[in-house]
Amino acid sequence: KFERGAVSLSPVSPSPAAPLTMRRMEEDIRSEIEILNNKYLIEWVVRNLWDDFTKLPIEKPESLWGKVKISLKKALLWMRDQIYGIGYSLDLTEKLSPFEAQVNSVQKNLKIDAIRDSNVIEVKFRSWYPELSAKVVNKLTDFYLEQHIKVHKTPRAHEFFTDQKQLLETSLRRVEEELKNFKQQ
């Protein structure tokens, strides 16, 4: 949420702060996109969905097109593995652990963009499995929102309200005691 207090709504005096406010909002959105693309968030998603990534369902196609699609998937995955194998053997690329390889794969297939002329961020993830894509996007946004709330919460707000509660309880007890004494007199 972005403060709009600096935006003037008067047609008589256009506010010079309005373009600055819009520029600030765009900067904030770009910052949030960078945070969503952060490797820490993606590693957390992969760690939490590791079973989903490693135990993908075996597809049983019923149509000819489904069989062709699965054959193409398998061929593409085989070719990718062969190309990486050549890169490893020639020391062109570093051998990654399965976890690191999965994090890189998620980073490559994750697309996060700002929707033009709005303050909405669109998060997309492409995979062969729609259920996995939905889980990745949901986990990423859930964790992002959880971290966003932690970062943007008012510092020490809980302690302030706890102190205020104690002060009010003490004041209430004192006034009740005074009322009790008054009734007895």
N, C-alpha and C. Protein backbone atom coordinates (compact mmCIF):
# COMPACT_ATOMS: atom_id res chain seq x y z
N LYS A 1 0.85 -1.17 0.00
CA LYS A 1 0.00 0.00 0.00
C LYS A 1 0.89 1.22 0.00
N PHE A 2 0.52 2.17 -0.81
CA PHE A 2 1.34 3.35 -0.96
C PHE A 2 0.56 4.57 -0.51
N GLU A 3 1.19 5.44 0.22
CA GLU A 3 0.52 6.63 0.73
C GLU A 3 0.24 7.58 -0.42
N ARG A 4 -0.97 8.13 -0.46
CA ARG A 4 -1.34 9.05 -1.52
C ARG A 4 -1.55 10.45 -0.99
N GLY A 5 -1.03 10.73 0.18
CA GLY A 5 -1.23 12.03 0.81
C GLY A 5 -0.63 13.17 0.03
N ALA A 6 0.39 12.95 -0.74
CA ALA A 6 1.06 14.02 -1.45
C ALA A 6 0.37 14.36 -2.77
N VAL A 7 -0.62 13.58 -3.18
CA VAL A 7 -1.28 13.80 -4.46
C VAL A 7 -2.38 14.84 -4.28
N SER A 8 -2.30 15.93 -5.06
CA SER A 8 -3.30 16.98 -5.00
C SER A 8 -4.44 16.65 -5.93
N LEU A 9 -5.67 16.83 -5.46
CA LEU A 9 -6.85 16.56 -6.28
C LEU A 9 -7.48 17.85 -6.78
N SER A 10 -6.88 18.97 -6.51
CA SER A 10 -7.41 20.27 -6.92
C SER A 10 -7.09 20.53 -8.38
N PRO A 11 -8.13 20.89 -9.20
CA PRO A 11 -7.85 21.19 -10.61
C PRO A 11 -7.16 22.54 -10.77
N VAL A 12 -7.24 23.39 -9.75
CA VAL A 12 -6.66 24.73 -9.82
C VAL A 12 -5.14 24.68 -9.70
N SER A 13 -4.65 23.89 -8.75
CA SER A 13 -3.21 23.85 -8.52
C SER A 13 -2.69 22.43 -8.69
N PRO A 14 -2.16 22.14 -9.86
CA PRO A 14 -1.59 20.80 -10.05
C PRO A 14 -0.39 20.61 -9.14
N SER A 15 -0.32 19.48 -8.55
CA SER A 15 0.74 19.21 -7.59
C SER A 15 1.99 18.70 -8.29
N PRO A 16 3.14 19.30 -8.00
CA PRO A 16 4.37 18.76 -8.56
C PRO A 16 4.75 17.43 -7.92
N ALA A 17 4.10 17.09 -6.81
CA ALA A 17 4.42 15.84 -6.13
C ALA A 17 3.78 14.63 -6.81
N ALA A 18 2.76 14.84 -7.65
CA ALA A 18 2.06 13.72 -8.28
C ALA A 18 2.99 12.87 -9.15
N PRO A 19 3.81 13.47 -10.05
CA PRO A 19 4.73 12.63 -10.83
C PRO A 19 5.75 11.92 -9.93
N LEU A 20 6.18 12.62 -8.87
CA LEU A 20 7.13 11.99 -7.95
C LEU A 20 6.49 10.82 -7.23
N THR A 21 5.21 10.98 -6.87
CA THR A 21 4.49 9.91 -6.19
C THR A 21 4.37 8.69 -7.09
N MET A 22 4.04 8.91 -8.37
CA MET A 22 3.92 7.79 -9.30
C MET A 22 5.27 7.13 -9.52
N ARG A 23 6.32 7.95 -9.62
CA ARG A 23 7.65 7.39 -9.80
C ARG A 23 8.04 6.56 -8.58
N ARG A 24 7.69 7.05 -7.40
CA ARG A 24 7.99 6.33 -6.16
C ARG A 24 7.24 5.00 -6.13
N MET A 25 5.97 5.00 -6.57
CA MET A 25 5.19 3.77 -6.59
C MET A 25 5.83 2.75 -7.54
N GLU A 26 6.28 3.22 -8.71
CA GLU A 26 6.94 2.33 -9.67
C GLU A 26 8.22 1.75 -9.08
N GLU A 27 8.98 2.57 -8.36
CA GLU A 27 10.20 2.09 -7.71
C GLU A 27 9.87 1.03 -6.66
N ASP A 28 8.82 1.27 -5.89
CA ASP A 28 8.42 0.31 -4.87
C ASP A 28 8.01 -1.02 -5.51
N ILE A 29 7.28 -0.96 -6.60
CA ILE A 29 6.84 -2.18 -7.27
C ILE A 29 8.04 -2.93 -7.82
N ARG A 30 8.98 -2.21 -8.44
CA ARG A 30 10.20 -2.87 -8.94
C ARG A 30 10.99 -3.51 -7.80
N SER A 31 11.02 -2.83 -6.66
CA SER A 31 11.72 -3.40 -5.49
C SER A 31 11.04 -4.68 -5.03
N GLU A 32 9.72 -4.69 -5.00
CA GLU A 32 8.99 -5.89 -4.59
C GLU A 32 9.22 -7.03 -5.59
N ILE A 33 9.31 -6.71 -6.86
CA ILE A 33 9.59 -7.74 -7.88
C ILE A 33 10.97 -8.34 -7.64
N GLU A 34 11.95 -7.50 -7.34
CA GLU A 34 13.29 -8.01 -7.06
C GLU A 34 13.30 -8.90 -5.82
N ILE A 35 12.52 -8.52 -4.83
CA ILE A 35 12.43 -9.35 -3.62
C ILE A 35 11.81 -10.70 -3.96
N LEU A 36 10.77 -10.70 -4.78
CA LEU A 36 10.13 -11.96 -5.18
C LEU A 36 11.08 -12.84 -5.98
N ASN A 37 11.99 -12.25 -6.72
CA ASN A 37 12.97 -13.01 -7.50
C ASN A 37 14.17 -13.44 -6.67
N ASN A 38 14.19 -13.10 -5.40
CA ASN A 38 15.32 -13.37 -4.54
C ASN A 38 15.55 -14.88 -4.40
N LYS A 39 16.81 -15.27 -4.45
CA LYS A 39 17.17 -16.69 -4.37
C LYS A 39 16.76 -17.30 -3.03
N TYR A 40 16.79 -16.52 -1.95
CA TYR A 40 16.40 -17.01 -0.63
C TYR A 40 14.95 -17.49 -0.64
N LEU A 41 14.05 -16.71 -1.24
CA LEU A 41 12.65 -17.10 -1.33
C LEU A 41 12.49 -18.36 -2.18
N ILE A 42 13.21 -18.40 -3.28
CA ILE A 42 13.09 -19.55 -4.19
C ILE A 42 13.64 -20.80 -3.54
N GLU A 43 14.75 -20.69 -2.80
CA GLU A 43 15.28 -21.85 -2.08
C GLU A 43 14.27 -22.34 -1.05
N TRP A 44 13.60 -21.41 -0.36
CA TRP A 44 12.58 -21.80 0.62
C TRP A 44 11.44 -22.57 -0.07
N VAL A 45 11.02 -22.10 -1.23
CA VAL A 45 9.94 -22.77 -1.97
C VAL A 45 10.38 -24.17 -2.37
N VAL A 46 11.58 -24.30 -2.91
CA VAL A 46 12.07 -25.62 -3.34
C VAL A 46 12.19 -26.55 -2.14
N ARG A 47 12.70 -26.04 -1.02
CA ARG A 47 12.83 -26.86 0.19
C ARG A 47 11.45 -27.36 0.65
N ASN A 48 10.44 -26.49 0.59
CA ASN A 48 9.11 -26.86 1.07
C ASN A 48 8.33 -27.70 0.08
N LEU A 49 8.71 -27.68 -1.18
CA LEU A 49 8.01 -28.48 -2.20
C LEU A 49 8.92 -29.57 -2.77
N TRP A 50 9.96 -29.93 -2.02
CA TRP A 50 10.94 -30.89 -2.54
C TRP A 50 10.27 -32.20 -2.96
N ASP A 51 9.37 -32.71 -2.15
CA ASP A 51 8.69 -33.95 -2.51
C ASP A 51 7.89 -33.80 -3.79
N ASP A 52 7.28 -32.65 -3.99
CA ASP A 52 6.51 -32.42 -5.22
C ASP A 52 7.43 -32.37 -6.43
N PHE A 53 8.63 -31.82 -6.27
CA PHE A 53 9.56 -31.76 -7.39
C PHE A 53 10.17 -33.12 -7.70
N THR A 54 10.43 -33.92 -6.68
CA THR A 54 11.13 -35.18 -6.90
C THR A 54 10.19 -36.34 -7.20
N LYS A 55 8.94 -36.23 -6.81
CA LYS A 55 7.99 -37.33 -7.04
C LYS A 55 6.86 -36.86 -7.94
N LEU A 56 7.23 -36.49 -9.16
CA LEU A 56 6.23 -36.01 -10.11
C LEU A 56 5.37 -37.18 -10.58
N PRO A 57 4.11 -36.93 -10.85
CA PRO A 57 3.21 -38.02 -11.26
C PRO A 57 3.59 -38.58 -12.63
N ILE A 58 3.36 -39.87 -12.78
CA ILE A 58 3.58 -40.52 -14.07
C ILE A 58 2.31 -40.35 -14.89
N GLU A 59 2.49 -39.76 -16.05
CA GLU A 59 1.32 -39.46 -16.88
C GLU A 59 0.94 -40.68 -17.71
N LYS A 60 -0.34 -40.92 -17.79
CA LYS A 60 -0.89 -42.00 -18.60
C LYS A 60 -1.76 -41.37 -19.69
N PRO A 61 -1.18 -41.07 -20.83
CA PRO A 61 -1.96 -40.41 -21.88
C PRO A 61 -2.99 -41.36 -22.49
N GLU A 62 -4.13 -40.79 -22.82
CA GLU A 62 -5.19 -41.59 -23.44
C GLU A 62 -5.28 -41.32 -24.93
N SER A 63 -4.88 -40.13 -25.35
CA SER A 63 -5.00 -39.79 -26.77
C SER A 63 -3.64 -39.89 -27.44
N LEU A 64 -3.65 -39.86 -28.74
CA LEU A 64 -2.42 -39.89 -29.52
C LEU A 64 -1.61 -38.63 -29.25
N TRP A 65 -2.29 -37.48 -29.18
CA TRP A 65 -1.60 -36.22 -28.91
C TRP A 65 -0.92 -36.25 -27.54
N GLY A 66 -1.58 -36.83 -26.55
CA GLY A 66 -1.00 -36.95 -25.21
C GLY A 66 0.26 -37.80 -25.23
N LYS A 67 0.23 -38.89 -26.00
CA LYS A 67 1.42 -39.74 -26.11
C LYS A 67 2.56 -39.01 -26.79
N VAL A 68 2.24 -38.22 -27.82
CA VAL A 68 3.27 -37.44 -28.51
C VAL A 68 3.87 -36.40 -27.56
N LYS A 69 3.01 -35.72 -26.78
CA LYS A 69 3.49 -34.72 -25.84
C LYS A 69 4.45 -35.32 -24.81
N ILE A 70 4.09 -36.47 -24.27
CA ILE A 70 4.95 -37.12 -23.27
C ILE A 70 6.27 -37.56 -23.90
N SER A 71 6.21 -38.07 -25.11
CA SER A 71 7.45 -38.47 -25.79
C SER A 71 8.35 -37.26 -26.03
N LEU A 72 7.75 -36.14 -26.41
CA LEU A 72 8.53 -34.92 -26.61
C LEU A 72 9.15 -34.43 -25.29
N LYS A 73 8.38 -34.49 -24.21
CA LYS A 73 8.91 -34.09 -22.90
C LYS A 73 10.13 -34.92 -22.54
N LYS A 74 9.97 -36.24 -22.69
CA LYS A 74 11.08 -37.14 -22.35
C LYS A 74 12.30 -36.88 -23.21
N ALA A 75 12.08 -36.63 -24.51
CA ALA A 75 13.19 -36.37 -25.42
C ALA A 75 13.89 -35.06 -25.05
N LEU A 76 13.12 -34.02 -24.74
CA LEU A 76 13.71 -32.74 -24.36
C LEU A 76 14.50 -32.86 -23.05
N LEU A 77 13.95 -33.57 -22.09
CA LEU A 77 14.67 -33.76 -20.83
C LEU A 77 15.95 -34.56 -21.03
N TRP A 78 15.88 -35.58 -21.88
CA TRP A 78 17.07 -36.39 -22.17
C TRP A 78 18.13 -35.54 -22.84
N MET A 79 17.72 -34.70 -23.82
CA MET A 79 18.68 -33.84 -24.52
C MET A 79 19.29 -32.82 -23.55
N ARG A 80 18.48 -32.26 -22.66
CA ARG A 80 19.00 -31.32 -21.68
C ARG A 80 20.06 -31.99 -20.81
N ASP A 81 19.76 -33.19 -20.34
CA ASP A 81 20.71 -33.92 -19.50
C ASP A 81 22.00 -34.22 -20.25
N GLN A 82 21.89 -34.56 -21.54
CA GLN A 82 23.08 -34.86 -22.35
C GLN A 82 23.94 -33.61 -22.54
N ILE A 83 23.29 -32.48 -22.78
CA ILE A 83 24.03 -31.23 -22.97
C ILE A 83 24.74 -30.85 -21.68
N TYR A 84 24.05 -30.95 -20.55
CA TYR A 84 24.70 -30.66 -19.27
C TYR A 84 25.83 -31.64 -19.00
N GLY A 85 25.64 -32.90 -19.36
CA GLY A 85 26.69 -33.90 -19.18
C GLY A 85 27.95 -33.55 -19.96
N ILE A 86 27.77 -33.07 -21.18
CA ILE A 86 28.92 -32.65 -21.99
C ILE A 86 29.61 -31.45 -21.34
N GLY A 87 28.81 -30.51 -20.87
CA GLY A 87 29.36 -29.33 -20.20
C GLY A 87 30.15 -29.70 -18.96
N TYR A 88 29.64 -30.68 -18.19
CA TYR A 88 30.34 -31.14 -16.99
C TYR A 88 31.67 -31.80 -17.36
N SER A 89 31.61 -32.66 -18.38
CA SER A 89 32.82 -33.41 -18.74
C SER A 89 33.91 -32.50 -19.31
N LEU A 90 33.52 -31.39 -19.95
CA LEU A 90 34.50 -30.45 -20.51
C LEU A 90 34.85 -29.33 -19.53
N ASP A 91 34.36 -29.44 -18.30
CA ASP A 91 34.57 -28.41 -17.27
C ASP A 91 34.09 -27.03 -17.70
N LEU A 92 33.05 -27.00 -18.51
CA LEU A 92 32.44 -25.73 -18.90
C LEU A 92 31.42 -25.27 -17.86
N THR A 93 30.83 -26.23 -17.22
CA THR A 93 29.86 -25.92 -16.17
C THR A 93 30.20 -26.73 -14.93
N GLU A 94 29.76 -26.24 -13.83
CA GLU A 94 30.01 -26.87 -12.54
C GLU A 94 28.87 -27.84 -12.23
N LYS A 95 29.22 -28.99 -11.71
CA LYS A 95 28.19 -29.97 -11.34
C LYS A 95 27.45 -29.45 -10.12
N LEU A 96 26.14 -29.34 -10.25
CA LEU A 96 25.31 -28.83 -9.16
C LEU A 96 24.65 -29.97 -8.41
N SER A 97 24.38 -29.73 -7.16
CA SER A 97 23.63 -30.71 -6.38
C SER A 97 22.19 -30.72 -6.92
N PRO A 98 21.43 -31.77 -6.65
CA PRO A 98 20.04 -31.79 -7.12
C PRO A 98 19.23 -30.60 -6.61
N PHE A 99 19.49 -30.18 -5.38
CA PHE A 99 18.78 -29.04 -4.82
C PHE A 99 19.12 -27.76 -5.59
N GLU A 100 20.42 -27.52 -5.81
CA GLU A 100 20.84 -26.32 -6.55
C GLU A 100 20.30 -26.33 -7.97
N ALA A 101 20.30 -27.50 -8.60
CA ALA A 101 19.77 -27.61 -9.95
C ALA A 101 18.28 -27.28 -9.98
N GLN A 102 17.56 -27.72 -8.96
CA GLN A 102 16.13 -27.44 -8.90
C GLN A 102 15.87 -25.95 -8.64
N VAL A 103 16.68 -25.34 -7.79
CA VAL A 103 16.55 -23.89 -7.53
C VAL A 103 16.78 -23.12 -8.83
N ASN A 104 17.83 -23.49 -9.58
CA ASN A 104 18.10 -22.83 -10.86
C ASN A 104 16.95 -23.02 -11.84
N SER A 105 16.40 -24.22 -11.86
CA SER A 105 15.28 -24.50 -12.75
C SER A 105 14.07 -23.65 -12.40
N VAL A 106 13.79 -23.52 -11.11
CA VAL A 106 12.66 -22.69 -10.68
C VAL A 106 12.92 -21.24 -11.06
N GLN A 107 14.14 -20.77 -10.84
CA GLN A 107 14.46 -19.38 -11.20
C GLN A 107 14.27 -19.13 -12.69
N LYS A 108 14.65 -20.08 -13.52
CA LYS A 108 14.52 -19.91 -14.97
C LYS A 108 13.05 -19.90 -15.40
N ASN A 109 12.22 -20.68 -14.73
CA ASN A 109 10.82 -20.81 -15.15
C ASN A 109 9.87 -19.86 -14.43
N LEU A 110 10.41 -19.05 -13.54
CA LEU A 110 9.60 -18.09 -12.79
C LEU A 110 9.63 -16.75 -13.51
N LYS A 111 8.46 -16.18 -13.71
CA LYS A 111 8.36 -14.88 -14.38
C LYS A 111 7.53 -13.96 -13.51
N ILE A 112 8.13 -12.84 -13.11
CA ILE A 112 7.44 -11.89 -12.24
C ILE A 112 7.49 -10.53 -12.91
N ASP A 113 6.32 -9.95 -13.15
CA ASP A 113 6.22 -8.66 -13.84
C ASP A 113 5.20 -7.78 -13.17
N ALA A 114 5.38 -6.47 -13.38
CA ALA A 114 4.38 -5.50 -12.94
C ALA A 114 3.39 -5.33 -14.08
N ILE A 115 2.13 -5.28 -13.74
CA ILE A 115 1.10 -5.04 -14.75
C ILE A 115 1.08 -3.54 -15.01
N ARG A 116 1.14 -3.18 -16.26
CA ARG A 116 1.27 -1.77 -16.66
C ARG A 116 0.13 -0.92 -16.11
N ASP A 117 0.48 0.27 -15.67
CA ASP A 117 -0.47 1.27 -15.15
C ASP A 117 -1.28 0.75 -13.98
N SER A 118 -0.66 -0.05 -13.14
CA SER A 118 -1.32 -0.54 -11.93
C SER A 118 -0.26 -0.80 -10.88
N ASN A 119 -0.72 -1.16 -9.69
CA ASN A 119 0.23 -1.54 -8.65
C ASN A 119 0.12 -3.03 -8.37
N VAL A 120 -0.18 -3.79 -9.41
CA VAL A 120 -0.36 -5.24 -9.30
C VAL A 120 0.89 -5.93 -9.86
N ILE A 121 1.31 -6.96 -9.16
CA ILE A 121 2.45 -7.76 -9.60
C ILE A 121 1.93 -9.13 -10.03
N GLU A 122 2.35 -9.56 -11.20
CA GLU A 122 1.91 -10.86 -11.74
C GLU A 122 3.05 -11.87 -11.57
N VAL A 123 2.71 -13.02 -11.00
CA VAL A 123 3.69 -14.08 -10.77
C VAL A 123 3.27 -15.30 -11.58
N LYS A 124 4.18 -15.78 -12.44
CA LYS A 124 3.91 -16.95 -13.28
C LYS A 124 5.03 -17.97 -13.10
N PHE A 125 4.65 -19.24 -13.17
CA PHE A 125 5.65 -20.31 -13.15
C PHE A 125 5.25 -21.34 -14.18
N ARG A 126 6.19 -21.70 -15.05
CA ARG A 126 5.91 -22.67 -16.11
C ARG A 126 6.54 -24.01 -15.77
N SER A 127 5.73 -25.04 -15.88
CA SER A 127 6.26 -26.40 -15.75
C SER A 127 5.35 -27.31 -16.57
N TRP A 128 5.78 -28.55 -16.71
CA TRP A 128 4.97 -29.52 -17.44
C TRP A 128 3.73 -29.89 -16.64
N TYR A 129 3.74 -29.59 -15.35
CA TYR A 129 2.67 -30.03 -14.46
C TYR A 129 1.93 -28.82 -13.88
N PRO A 130 0.69 -28.59 -14.28
CA PRO A 130 -0.07 -27.42 -13.81
C PRO A 130 -0.23 -27.37 -12.29
N GLU A 131 -0.41 -28.53 -11.65
CA GLU A 131 -0.57 -28.54 -10.19
C GLU A 131 0.71 -28.06 -9.51
N LEU A 132 1.84 -28.47 -10.03
CA LEU A 132 3.13 -28.04 -9.48
C LEU A 132 3.31 -26.54 -9.68
N SER A 133 2.92 -26.03 -10.84
CA SER A 133 3.02 -24.59 -11.10
C SER A 133 2.20 -23.81 -10.08
N ALA A 134 0.99 -24.26 -9.83
CA ALA A 134 0.12 -23.57 -8.86
C ALA A 134 0.74 -23.62 -7.46
N LYS A 135 1.29 -24.77 -7.08
CA LYS A 135 1.90 -24.89 -5.75
C LYS A 135 3.10 -23.96 -5.60
N VAL A 136 3.93 -23.87 -6.64
CA VAL A 136 5.11 -23.01 -6.58
C VAL A 136 4.69 -21.55 -6.41
N VAL A 137 3.74 -21.10 -7.22
CA VAL A 137 3.29 -19.71 -7.13
C VAL A 137 2.65 -19.43 -5.77
N ASN A 138 1.82 -20.34 -5.30
CA ASN A 138 1.17 -20.14 -4.00
C ASN A 138 2.17 -20.11 -2.86
N LYS A 139 3.12 -21.04 -2.84
CA LYS A 139 4.13 -21.06 -1.77
C LYS A 139 4.98 -19.80 -1.81
N LEU A 140 5.38 -19.39 -3.01
CA LEU A 140 6.21 -18.20 -3.15
C LEU A 140 5.48 -16.96 -2.63
N THR A 141 4.24 -16.79 -3.03
CA THR A 141 3.49 -15.60 -2.58
C THR A 141 3.19 -15.67 -1.08
N ASP A 142 2.88 -16.85 -0.57
CA ASP A 142 2.62 -16.99 0.87
C ASP A 142 3.85 -16.60 1.68
N PHE A 143 5.00 -17.14 1.31
CA PHE A 143 6.23 -16.85 2.04
C PHE A 143 6.62 -15.39 1.87
N TYR A 144 6.45 -14.86 0.66
CA TYR A 144 6.76 -13.46 0.42
C TYR A 144 5.89 -12.56 1.31
N LEU A 145 4.60 -12.82 1.35
CA LEU A 145 3.71 -11.99 2.16
C LEU A 145 4.05 -12.10 3.65
N GLU A 146 4.38 -13.30 4.09
CA GLU A 146 4.78 -13.50 5.49
C GLU A 146 6.03 -12.67 5.82
N GLN A 147 7.02 -12.70 4.94
CA GLN A 147 8.24 -11.93 5.15
C GLN A 147 7.98 -10.43 5.02
N HIS A 148 7.11 -10.06 4.08
CA HIS A 148 6.78 -8.65 3.87
C HIS A 148 6.12 -8.06 5.12
N ILE A 149 5.23 -8.81 5.72
CA ILE A 149 4.56 -8.34 6.94
C ILE A 149 5.57 -8.19 8.07
N LYS A 150 6.49 -9.14 8.20
CA LYS A 150 7.52 -9.04 9.24
C LYS A 150 8.38 -7.79 9.06
N VAL A 151 8.75 -7.51 7.82
CA VAL A 151 9.64 -6.38 7.54
C VAL A 151 8.92 -5.05 7.72
N HIS A 152 7.65 -4.98 7.31
CA HIS A 152 6.94 -3.71 7.30
C HIS A 152 6.07 -3.45 8.52
N LYS A 153 6.10 -4.35 9.49
CA LYS A 153 5.28 -4.10 10.67
C LYS A 153 5.90 -2.96 11.48
N THR A 154 5.08 -2.30 12.24
CA THR A 154 5.56 -1.20 13.05
C THR A 154 6.44 -1.76 14.16
N PRO A 155 7.66 -1.29 14.25
CA PRO A 155 8.56 -1.84 15.27
C PRO A 155 8.04 -1.56 16.68
N ARG A 156 8.12 -2.56 17.50
CA ARG A 156 7.75 -2.48 18.91
C ARG A 156 6.29 -2.15 19.15
N ALA A 157 5.42 -2.34 18.16
CA ALA A 157 4.00 -2.03 18.34
C ALA A 157 3.39 -2.94 19.41
N HIS A 158 3.79 -4.21 19.43
CA HIS A 158 3.25 -5.14 20.40
C HIS A 158 3.59 -4.71 21.83
N GLU A 159 4.85 -4.31 22.03
CA GLU A 159 5.27 -3.87 23.37
C GLU A 159 4.50 -2.61 23.79
N PHE A 160 4.28 -1.70 22.84
CA PHE A 160 3.55 -0.48 23.15
C PHE A 160 2.15 -0.80 23.65
N PHE A 161 1.44 -1.67 22.92
CA PHE A 161 0.07 -1.99 23.32
C PHE A 161 0.04 -2.80 24.62
N THR A 162 1.03 -3.64 24.85
CA THR A 162 1.12 -4.36 26.12
C THR A 162 1.32 -3.38 27.27
N ASP A 163 2.20 -2.42 27.09
CA ASP A 163 2.42 -1.40 28.13
C ASP A 163 1.15 -0.59 28.37
N GLN A 164 0.48 -0.20 27.30
CA GLN A 164 -0.75 0.58 27.44
C GLN A 164 -1.83 -0.22 28.17
N LYS A 165 -1.91 -1.51 27.89
CA LYS A 165 -2.88 -2.37 28.56
C LYS A 165 -2.60 -2.42 30.06
N GLN A 166 -1.33 -2.58 30.41
CA GLN A 166 -0.96 -2.62 31.83
C GLN A 166 -1.27 -1.30 32.52
N LEU A 167 -0.99 -0.18 31.86
CA LEU A 167 -1.30 1.12 32.43
C LEU A 167 -2.80 1.29 32.66
N LEU A 168 -3.59 0.88 31.67
CA LEU A 168 -5.04 1.00 31.79
C LEU A 168 -5.59 0.07 32.87
N GLU A 169 -5.06 -1.14 32.98
CA GLU A 169 -5.51 -2.06 34.03
C GLU A 169 -5.20 -1.49 35.41
N THR A 170 -4.01 -0.91 35.58
CA THR A 170 -3.63 -0.30 36.86
C THR A 170 -4.55 0.87 37.17
N SER A 171 -4.81 1.69 36.19
CA SER A 171 -5.71 2.84 36.37
C SER A 171 -7.13 2.37 36.71
N LEU A 172 -7.59 1.32 36.03
CA LEU A 172 -8.93 0.77 36.30
C LEU A 172 -9.02 0.24 37.73
N ARG A 173 -8.03 -0.50 38.19
CA ARG A 173 -8.02 -1.02 39.56
C ARG A 173 -8.06 0.12 40.58
N ARG A 174 -7.30 1.18 40.33
CA ARG A 174 -7.27 2.33 41.23
C ARG A 174 -8.64 3.01 41.27
N VAL A 175 -9.28 3.21 40.12
CA VAL A 175 -10.59 3.85 40.08
C VAL A 175 -11.64 2.95 40.73
N GLU A 176 -11.57 1.65 40.51
CA GLU A 176 -12.51 0.72 41.15
C GLU A 176 -12.36 0.76 42.67
N GLU A 177 -11.11 0.83 43.11
CA GLU A 177 -10.86 0.92 44.56
C GLU A 177 -11.43 2.22 45.13
N GLU A 178 -11.25 3.32 44.42
CA GLU A 178 -11.81 4.60 44.85
C GLU A 178 -13.33 4.55 44.88
N LEU A 179 -13.94 3.89 43.89
CA LEU A 179 -15.40 3.75 43.86
C LEU A 179 -15.89 2.90 45.04
N LYS A 180 -15.18 1.84 45.31
CA LYS A 180 -15.54 0.96 46.43
C LYS A 180 -15.47 1.73 47.75
N ASN A 181 -14.40 2.49 47.95
CA ASN A 181 -14.24 3.32 49.15
C ASN A 181 -15.34 4.38 49.24
N PHE A 182 -15.69 4.98 48.12
CA PHE A 182 -16.74 5.99 48.09
C PHE A 182 -18.09 5.39 48.50
N LYS A 183 -18.39 4.19 47.98
CA LYS A 183 -19.64 3.51 48.32
C LYS A 183 -19.70 3.18 49.81
N GLN A 184 -18.57 2.77 50.37
CA GLN A 184 -18.53 2.44 51.80
C GLN A 184 -18.70 3.66 52.65
N GLN A 185 -18.23 4.81 52.22
CA GLN A 185 -18.40 6.04 53.01
C GLN A 185 -19.83 6.49 52.93
